[in-house]
N, C-alpha and C. Protein backbone atom coordinates (compact mmCIF):
# COMPACT_ATOMS: atom_id res chain seq x y z
N MET A 1 98.38 117.10 148.62
CA MET A 1 99.67 117.00 147.99
C MET A 1 99.50 116.66 146.51
N ASN A 2 100.10 117.47 145.64
CA ASN A 2 100.02 117.22 144.20
C ASN A 2 101.08 116.21 143.78
N LYS A 3 100.63 115.17 143.16
CA LYS A 3 101.56 114.19 142.65
C LYS A 3 101.97 114.63 141.24
N LYS A 4 103.26 114.59 140.95
CA LYS A 4 103.75 114.98 139.63
C LYS A 4 103.09 114.10 138.57
N GLN A 5 102.63 114.75 137.49
CA GLN A 5 102.00 113.99 136.41
C GLN A 5 103.02 113.05 135.78
N SER A 6 102.61 111.82 135.61
CA SER A 6 103.47 110.81 135.04
C SER A 6 103.22 110.73 133.54
N LEU A 7 104.25 110.93 132.74
CA LEU A 7 104.13 110.86 131.29
C LEU A 7 104.74 109.55 130.80
N PRO A 8 104.04 108.87 129.92
CA PRO A 8 104.52 107.55 129.49
C PRO A 8 105.97 107.58 128.97
N TRP A 9 106.29 108.55 128.16
CA TRP A 9 107.62 108.59 127.55
C TRP A 9 108.74 108.93 128.54
N ASP A 10 108.36 109.33 129.74
CA ASP A 10 109.37 109.57 130.77
C ASP A 10 109.70 108.30 131.55
N HIS A 11 108.91 107.26 131.37
CA HIS A 11 109.14 106.01 132.10
C HIS A 11 110.37 105.31 131.51
N PRO A 12 111.25 104.79 132.36
CA PRO A 12 112.48 104.16 131.85
C PRO A 12 112.23 102.93 130.96
N ARG A 13 111.05 102.33 131.07
CA ARG A 13 110.75 101.13 130.26
C ARG A 13 109.83 101.43 129.08
N PHE A 14 109.56 102.70 128.84
CA PHE A 14 108.66 103.09 127.74
C PHE A 14 109.19 102.59 126.40
N ARG A 15 110.48 102.73 126.18
CA ARG A 15 111.07 102.29 124.91
C ARG A 15 110.81 100.80 124.68
N SER A 16 110.92 99.99 125.73
CA SER A 16 110.64 98.56 125.61
C SER A 16 109.18 98.33 125.27
N TRP A 17 108.31 99.03 125.95
CA TRP A 17 106.86 98.90 125.73
C TRP A 17 106.52 99.18 124.27
N ILE A 18 107.04 100.29 123.77
CA ILE A 18 106.76 100.68 122.38
C ILE A 18 107.39 99.69 121.41
N ALA A 19 108.61 99.25 121.68
CA ALA A 19 109.28 98.31 120.79
C ALA A 19 108.49 97.01 120.67
N VAL A 20 107.98 96.50 121.78
CA VAL A 20 107.18 95.28 121.76
C VAL A 20 105.91 95.49 120.94
N ALA A 21 105.23 96.59 121.20
CA ALA A 21 103.98 96.88 120.48
C ALA A 21 104.22 97.03 118.98
N ARG A 22 105.26 97.76 118.63
CA ARG A 22 105.56 97.98 117.20
C ARG A 22 105.98 96.69 116.52
N ALA A 23 106.81 95.89 117.19
CA ALA A 23 107.25 94.62 116.60
C ALA A 23 106.05 93.70 116.36
N CYS A 24 105.17 93.63 117.34
CA CYS A 24 103.98 92.79 117.21
C CYS A 24 103.12 93.27 116.04
N GLN A 25 102.90 94.56 115.98
CA GLN A 25 102.09 95.14 114.91
C GLN A 25 102.72 94.88 113.54
N MET A 26 104.02 95.06 113.44
CA MET A 26 104.71 94.84 112.16
C MET A 26 104.70 93.36 111.78
N MET A 27 104.92 92.47 112.74
CA MET A 27 104.90 91.04 112.44
C MET A 27 103.53 90.63 111.90
N GLN A 28 102.48 91.11 112.54
CA GLN A 28 101.13 90.78 112.09
C GLN A 28 100.87 91.32 110.69
N SER A 29 101.34 92.53 110.43
CA SER A 29 101.14 93.16 109.13
C SER A 29 101.87 92.40 108.03
N VAL A 30 103.14 92.07 108.26
CA VAL A 30 103.92 91.33 107.26
C VAL A 30 103.35 89.93 107.08
N LEU A 31 102.99 89.27 108.17
CA LEU A 31 102.41 87.93 108.07
C LEU A 31 101.11 87.98 107.27
N ALA A 32 100.27 88.97 107.53
CA ALA A 32 99.01 89.10 106.80
C ALA A 32 99.27 89.27 105.30
N ARG A 33 100.24 90.09 104.97
CA ARG A 33 100.57 90.33 103.56
C ARG A 33 101.06 89.03 102.90
N GLU A 34 101.88 88.28 103.61
CA GLU A 34 102.43 87.05 103.03
C GLU A 34 101.43 85.90 102.98
N LEU A 35 100.42 85.94 103.85
CA LEU A 35 99.39 84.89 103.84
C LEU A 35 98.28 85.20 102.83
N ALA A 36 98.25 86.42 102.32
CA ALA A 36 97.16 86.84 101.42
C ALA A 36 97.03 85.91 100.21
N ALA A 37 98.14 85.40 99.70
CA ALA A 37 98.09 84.51 98.54
C ALA A 37 97.30 83.23 98.84
N LEU A 38 97.26 82.85 100.11
CA LEU A 38 96.52 81.66 100.52
C LEU A 38 95.09 82.00 100.93
N ASP A 39 94.76 83.27 100.86
CA ASP A 39 93.43 83.78 101.22
C ASP A 39 93.07 83.47 102.68
N ILE A 40 94.08 83.61 103.56
CA ILE A 40 93.81 83.51 104.99
C ILE A 40 94.50 84.67 105.70
N LYS A 41 94.03 84.95 106.89
CA LYS A 41 94.57 86.02 107.71
C LYS A 41 95.24 85.40 108.95
N PRO A 42 96.08 86.18 109.66
CA PRO A 42 96.74 85.62 110.84
C PRO A 42 95.81 84.94 111.85
N PRO A 43 94.62 85.50 112.14
CA PRO A 43 93.75 84.77 113.09
C PRO A 43 93.33 83.39 112.56
N HIS A 44 93.14 83.29 111.24
CA HIS A 44 92.80 81.99 110.65
C HIS A 44 93.98 81.03 110.79
N LEU A 45 95.19 81.56 110.58
CA LEU A 45 96.39 80.73 110.73
C LEU A 45 96.48 80.19 112.15
N ASP A 46 96.21 81.03 113.13
CA ASP A 46 96.25 80.58 114.53
C ASP A 46 95.29 79.41 114.75
N ILE A 47 94.11 79.51 114.19
CA ILE A 47 93.12 78.44 114.32
C ILE A 47 93.61 77.18 113.61
N LEU A 48 94.05 77.34 112.36
CA LEU A 48 94.49 76.19 111.57
C LEU A 48 95.65 75.45 112.23
N ILE A 49 96.63 76.21 112.71
CA ILE A 49 97.80 75.57 113.34
C ILE A 49 97.39 74.81 114.60
N ASN A 50 96.49 75.37 115.37
CA ASN A 50 96.04 74.67 116.57
C ASN A 50 95.27 73.41 116.23
N LEU A 51 94.49 73.43 115.16
CA LEU A 51 93.78 72.22 114.75
C LEU A 51 94.75 71.19 114.18
N TYR A 52 95.81 71.66 113.55
CA TYR A 52 96.85 70.77 113.03
C TYR A 52 97.56 70.07 114.19
N ARG A 53 97.84 70.81 115.25
CA ARG A 53 98.55 70.26 116.40
C ARG A 53 97.63 69.48 117.34
N PHE A 54 96.40 69.95 117.50
CA PHE A 54 95.49 69.37 118.50
C PHE A 54 94.17 68.97 117.83
N GLU A 55 94.25 68.01 116.95
CA GLU A 55 93.06 67.58 116.21
C GLU A 55 91.95 67.17 117.17
N GLY A 56 90.76 67.66 116.92
CA GLY A 56 89.62 67.32 117.76
C GLY A 56 89.46 68.22 118.97
N ILE A 57 90.22 69.30 119.03
CA ILE A 57 90.10 70.24 120.14
C ILE A 57 88.68 70.84 120.14
N SER A 58 88.18 71.15 121.31
CA SER A 58 86.84 71.75 121.37
C SER A 58 86.94 73.24 121.05
N GLN A 59 85.83 73.81 120.65
CA GLN A 59 85.79 75.25 120.36
C GLN A 59 86.20 76.05 121.59
N GLN A 60 85.75 75.63 122.75
CA GLN A 60 86.07 76.34 123.99
C GLN A 60 87.56 76.27 124.31
N GLU A 61 88.15 75.09 124.14
CA GLU A 61 89.60 74.95 124.38
C GLU A 61 90.39 75.81 123.40
N LEU A 62 89.96 75.83 122.16
CA LEU A 62 90.64 76.64 121.13
C LEU A 62 90.56 78.12 121.48
N ALA A 63 89.39 78.59 121.87
CA ALA A 63 89.24 80.00 122.25
C ALA A 63 90.15 80.35 123.42
N ARG A 64 90.25 79.45 124.37
CA ARG A 64 91.13 79.68 125.54
C ARG A 64 92.60 79.73 125.11
N LYS A 65 93.03 78.83 124.24
CA LYS A 65 94.41 78.83 123.75
C LYS A 65 94.74 80.11 122.99
N LEU A 66 93.79 80.60 122.23
CA LEU A 66 94.03 81.78 121.39
C LEU A 66 93.73 83.10 122.11
N LEU A 67 93.30 83.01 123.36
CA LEU A 67 93.00 84.21 124.16
C LEU A 67 91.91 85.07 123.52
N VAL A 68 90.90 84.41 122.96
CA VAL A 68 89.80 85.14 122.35
C VAL A 68 88.47 84.66 122.94
N GLY A 69 87.48 85.48 122.78
CA GLY A 69 86.15 85.13 123.28
C GLY A 69 85.42 84.20 122.33
N ARG A 70 84.33 83.64 122.82
CA ARG A 70 83.53 82.75 121.99
C ARG A 70 82.95 83.46 120.78
N SER A 71 82.69 84.76 120.91
CA SER A 71 82.12 85.50 119.77
C SER A 71 83.11 85.55 118.61
N ASN A 72 84.40 85.70 118.91
CA ASN A 72 85.40 85.68 117.84
C ASN A 72 85.40 84.32 117.14
N MET A 73 85.31 83.26 117.93
CA MET A 73 85.28 81.91 117.36
C MET A 73 84.03 81.72 116.52
N SER A 74 82.90 82.19 117.04
CA SER A 74 81.65 81.96 116.33
C SER A 74 81.57 82.75 115.03
N MET A 75 82.45 83.74 114.85
CA MET A 75 82.50 84.46 113.57
C MET A 75 83.46 83.78 112.60
N ALA A 76 84.63 83.38 113.08
CA ALA A 76 85.67 82.83 112.21
C ALA A 76 85.37 81.39 111.76
N LEU A 77 84.90 80.57 112.66
CA LEU A 77 84.74 79.15 112.34
C LEU A 77 83.75 78.88 111.21
N PRO A 78 82.57 79.53 111.19
CA PRO A 78 81.66 79.27 110.07
C PRO A 78 82.25 79.68 108.71
N GLN A 79 83.02 80.77 108.69
CA GLN A 79 83.67 81.20 107.44
C GLN A 79 84.65 80.12 106.97
N MET A 80 85.43 79.60 107.90
CA MET A 80 86.43 78.60 107.55
C MET A 80 85.77 77.27 107.17
N GLU A 81 84.66 76.99 107.82
CA GLU A 81 83.90 75.77 107.50
C GLU A 81 83.31 75.89 106.09
N LYS A 82 82.78 77.04 105.78
CA LYS A 82 82.18 77.29 104.46
C LYS A 82 83.23 77.16 103.35
N ARG A 83 84.46 77.57 103.65
CA ARG A 83 85.55 77.46 102.68
C ARG A 83 86.07 76.03 102.56
N GLY A 84 85.61 75.16 103.42
CA GLY A 84 86.03 73.76 103.36
C GLY A 84 87.37 73.50 104.02
N LEU A 85 87.78 74.38 104.95
CA LEU A 85 89.07 74.22 105.62
C LEU A 85 88.94 73.41 106.91
N ILE A 86 87.81 73.53 107.56
CA ILE A 86 87.60 72.84 108.83
C ILE A 86 86.22 72.20 108.84
N GLU A 87 86.05 71.29 109.78
CA GLU A 87 84.72 70.76 110.03
C GLU A 87 84.51 70.65 111.52
N ARG A 88 83.25 70.85 111.91
CA ARG A 88 82.88 70.72 113.31
C ARG A 88 82.05 69.46 113.47
N ARG A 89 82.40 68.70 114.50
CA ARG A 89 81.65 67.48 114.80
C ARG A 89 81.27 67.51 116.27
N GLY A 90 80.08 67.00 116.54
CA GLY A 90 79.65 66.90 117.92
C GLY A 90 80.49 65.90 118.69
N ASP A 91 80.70 66.19 119.95
CA ASP A 91 81.43 65.29 120.83
C ASP A 91 80.55 64.07 121.11
N GLU A 92 81.14 62.90 121.05
CA GLU A 92 80.36 61.68 121.26
C GLU A 92 79.83 61.55 122.68
N LYS A 93 80.57 62.07 123.66
CA LYS A 93 80.18 61.93 125.06
C LYS A 93 79.35 63.10 125.56
N ASP A 94 79.60 64.30 125.02
CA ASP A 94 78.90 65.50 125.50
C ASP A 94 78.35 66.24 124.29
N LYS A 95 77.08 66.13 124.07
CA LYS A 95 76.44 66.68 122.87
C LYS A 95 76.48 68.21 122.83
N ARG A 96 76.83 68.85 123.93
CA ARG A 96 76.93 70.32 123.93
C ARG A 96 78.26 70.81 123.37
N VAL A 97 79.23 69.89 123.23
CA VAL A 97 80.59 70.26 122.82
C VAL A 97 80.79 69.98 121.34
N TRP A 98 81.39 70.97 120.65
CA TRP A 98 81.77 70.81 119.25
C TRP A 98 83.28 70.60 119.17
N ARG A 99 83.68 69.58 118.44
CA ARG A 99 85.10 69.28 118.20
C ARG A 99 85.46 69.76 116.80
N LEU A 100 86.69 70.25 116.66
CA LEU A 100 87.13 70.85 115.40
C LEU A 100 88.21 70.00 114.74
N TYR A 101 88.10 69.88 113.41
CA TYR A 101 89.04 69.09 112.63
C TYR A 101 89.36 69.80 111.33
N LEU A 102 90.58 69.60 110.86
CA LEU A 102 90.95 70.10 109.53
C LEU A 102 90.40 69.15 108.48
N THR A 103 89.96 69.71 107.37
CA THR A 103 89.63 68.88 106.21
C THR A 103 90.93 68.62 105.45
N LYS A 104 90.86 67.82 104.41
CA LYS A 104 92.04 67.58 103.58
C LYS A 104 92.53 68.90 103.00
N ALA A 105 91.61 69.71 102.49
CA ALA A 105 91.99 71.03 101.93
C ALA A 105 92.56 71.92 103.03
N GLY A 106 91.99 71.85 104.21
CA GLY A 106 92.47 72.64 105.33
C GLY A 106 93.88 72.26 105.73
N ARG A 107 94.18 70.98 105.68
CA ARG A 107 95.52 70.49 106.02
C ARG A 107 96.54 71.00 105.00
N ILE A 108 96.17 71.00 103.73
CA ILE A 108 97.07 71.50 102.68
C ILE A 108 97.35 72.98 102.87
N VAL A 109 96.30 73.77 103.08
CA VAL A 109 96.46 75.22 103.29
C VAL A 109 97.28 75.48 104.55
N THR A 110 97.03 74.72 105.61
CA THR A 110 97.78 74.89 106.86
C THR A 110 99.25 74.63 106.64
N GLU A 111 99.58 73.57 105.94
CA GLU A 111 100.99 73.25 105.69
C GLU A 111 101.67 74.33 104.85
N GLN A 112 100.95 74.87 103.87
CA GLN A 112 101.50 75.97 103.07
C GLN A 112 101.69 77.22 103.94
N ALA A 113 100.72 77.50 104.77
CA ALA A 113 100.79 78.69 105.64
C ALA A 113 101.91 78.55 106.66
N MET A 114 102.11 77.34 107.18
CA MET A 114 103.20 77.14 108.14
C MET A 114 104.56 77.36 107.47
N GLU A 115 104.68 77.01 106.20
CA GLU A 115 105.92 77.29 105.46
C GLU A 115 106.14 78.80 105.36
N VAL A 116 105.07 79.54 105.08
CA VAL A 116 105.15 81.01 105.01
C VAL A 116 105.60 81.56 106.36
N GLN A 117 104.97 81.10 107.43
CA GLN A 117 105.29 81.61 108.76
C GLN A 117 106.72 81.24 109.15
N THR A 118 107.12 80.00 108.91
CA THR A 118 108.47 79.56 109.26
C THR A 118 109.51 80.37 108.50
N SER A 119 109.26 80.63 107.24
CA SER A 119 110.17 81.44 106.44
C SER A 119 110.28 82.86 107.01
N LEU A 120 109.16 83.41 107.40
CA LEU A 120 109.15 84.76 107.98
C LEU A 120 109.92 84.78 109.30
N ILE A 121 109.73 83.79 110.13
CA ILE A 121 110.47 83.69 111.40
C ILE A 121 111.97 83.65 111.11
N GLU A 122 112.36 82.82 110.16
CA GLU A 122 113.78 82.68 109.84
C GLU A 122 114.35 83.99 109.30
N ARG A 123 113.68 84.63 108.37
CA ARG A 123 114.18 85.88 107.80
C ARG A 123 114.23 86.99 108.84
N THR A 124 113.30 86.98 109.77
CA THR A 124 113.23 88.04 110.78
C THR A 124 114.28 87.86 111.87
N LEU A 125 114.48 86.63 112.30
CA LEU A 125 115.31 86.38 113.49
C LEU A 125 116.65 85.71 113.21
N ALA A 126 116.96 85.41 111.97
CA ALA A 126 118.18 84.67 111.64
C ALA A 126 119.45 85.33 112.16
N ASN A 127 119.49 86.65 112.19
CA ASN A 127 120.70 87.36 112.62
C ASN A 127 120.76 87.61 114.12
N GLU A 128 119.74 87.15 114.83
CA GLU A 128 119.72 87.34 116.28
C GLU A 128 120.26 86.08 116.95
N PRO A 129 121.16 86.21 117.90
CA PRO A 129 121.68 85.02 118.60
C PRO A 129 120.54 84.26 119.28
N LEU A 130 120.63 82.93 119.19
CA LEU A 130 119.56 82.09 119.74
C LEU A 130 119.33 82.35 121.22
N ASP A 131 120.40 82.56 122.00
CA ASP A 131 120.21 82.80 123.43
C ASP A 131 119.43 84.10 123.67
N GLN A 132 119.63 85.10 122.83
CA GLN A 132 118.86 86.35 122.97
C GLN A 132 117.41 86.14 122.57
N CYS A 133 117.18 85.33 121.54
CA CYS A 133 115.81 85.00 121.14
C CYS A 133 115.07 84.29 122.27
N MET A 134 115.76 83.36 122.92
CA MET A 134 115.14 82.61 124.01
C MET A 134 114.89 83.52 125.21
N ALA A 135 115.82 84.43 125.49
CA ALA A 135 115.63 85.38 126.59
C ALA A 135 114.44 86.30 126.30
N MET A 136 114.32 86.73 125.04
CA MET A 136 113.19 87.58 124.66
C MET A 136 111.88 86.80 124.82
N ALA A 137 111.88 85.54 124.41
CA ALA A 137 110.69 84.71 124.55
C ALA A 137 110.31 84.56 126.02
N ASP A 138 111.29 84.33 126.88
CA ASP A 138 111.02 84.21 128.32
C ASP A 138 110.39 85.49 128.86
N THR A 139 110.94 86.62 128.47
CA THR A 139 110.42 87.91 128.92
C THR A 139 108.98 88.11 128.43
N MET A 140 108.74 87.83 127.17
CA MET A 140 107.40 88.03 126.61
C MET A 140 106.39 87.07 127.25
N GLU A 141 106.81 85.85 127.55
CA GLU A 141 105.91 84.90 128.21
C GLU A 141 105.55 85.36 129.62
N ARG A 142 106.51 85.94 130.32
CA ARG A 142 106.21 86.49 131.65
C ARG A 142 105.25 87.67 131.53
N LEU A 143 105.46 88.50 130.53
CA LEU A 143 104.59 89.66 130.32
C LEU A 143 103.16 89.19 130.01
N VAL A 144 103.03 88.21 129.14
CA VAL A 144 101.71 87.67 128.80
C VAL A 144 101.06 87.10 130.06
N HIS A 145 101.81 86.37 130.84
CA HIS A 145 101.27 85.79 132.08
C HIS A 145 100.75 86.89 133.01
N ARG A 146 101.54 87.96 133.17
CA ARG A 146 101.10 89.07 134.03
C ARG A 146 99.81 89.69 133.52
N LEU A 147 99.75 89.89 132.22
CA LEU A 147 98.55 90.50 131.64
C LEU A 147 97.34 89.57 131.75
N GLN A 148 97.57 88.28 131.57
CA GLN A 148 96.47 87.31 131.65
C GLN A 148 95.93 87.15 133.06
N THR A 149 96.80 87.15 134.02
CA THR A 149 96.38 86.82 135.38
C THR A 149 96.11 88.05 136.24
N GLY A 150 96.22 89.22 135.65
CA GLY A 150 95.93 90.43 136.41
C GLY A 150 96.98 90.77 137.43
N LEU A 151 98.21 90.34 137.21
CA LEU A 151 99.29 90.62 138.16
C LEU A 151 99.94 91.97 137.85
N LEU A 152 99.13 92.94 137.52
CA LEU A 152 99.67 94.23 137.12
C LEU A 152 99.73 95.21 138.27
N GLU A 153 99.70 94.70 139.48
CA GLU A 153 99.84 95.59 140.62
C GLU A 153 101.23 96.19 140.62
N GLU A 154 101.36 97.33 141.26
CA GLU A 154 102.67 97.97 141.34
C GLU A 154 103.61 97.08 142.14
N PRO A 155 104.87 97.00 141.71
CA PRO A 155 105.84 96.22 142.49
C PRO A 155 105.91 96.74 143.92
N ALA A 156 106.14 95.85 144.86
CA ALA A 156 106.15 96.20 146.29
C ALA A 156 107.15 97.32 146.60
N ALA A 157 108.31 97.33 145.96
CA ALA A 157 109.32 98.35 146.22
C ALA A 157 108.79 99.72 145.85
N GLU A 158 108.08 99.83 144.73
CA GLU A 158 107.55 101.14 144.33
C GLU A 158 106.44 101.58 145.27
N LYS A 159 105.63 100.64 145.76
CA LYS A 159 104.57 100.98 146.71
C LYS A 159 105.17 101.57 147.99
N ALA A 160 106.22 100.94 148.48
CA ALA A 160 106.85 101.37 149.72
C ALA A 160 107.42 102.79 149.59
N ILE A 161 107.98 103.11 148.44
CA ILE A 161 108.56 104.43 148.22
C ILE A 161 107.48 105.51 148.27
N GLU A 162 106.31 105.20 147.65
CA GLU A 162 105.25 106.19 147.59
C GLU A 162 104.62 106.44 148.94
N GLU A 163 104.63 105.46 149.82
CA GLU A 163 103.96 105.60 151.12
C GLU A 163 104.71 106.42 152.06
């Protein structure tokens, strides 16, 4: 039995899929352009903000929060350390663990970058009703959870129809 070829643009949720991807891509692009004056990129901002919020976080915990591998961390952190934005210190209890801290210069850059990001959020979403923003956030968080946990199996109703 030949199954009809499924084309992405024929899927009823394709428009949502593309809209999410395009919005994410555009947000990253605009954020990168606006952070350029501070000589940091969005991935650096993610690191800096997490160190601002969770001072002394381990490299492994940070990688897990940012959904990146250790190799990404091992490339970014030395660059940021060399620039004097962060410092790594050994954990007092477990010598295998490195803890991360902002330097004074790193704290200043982080605060400036957070102002840039907050301004961008406000300019981008100011005309959207707060309840719709929160609903969108809920939807995106569920999507992230599904992608993270491998819950991408076909919904049970669609499986039953095909059988």
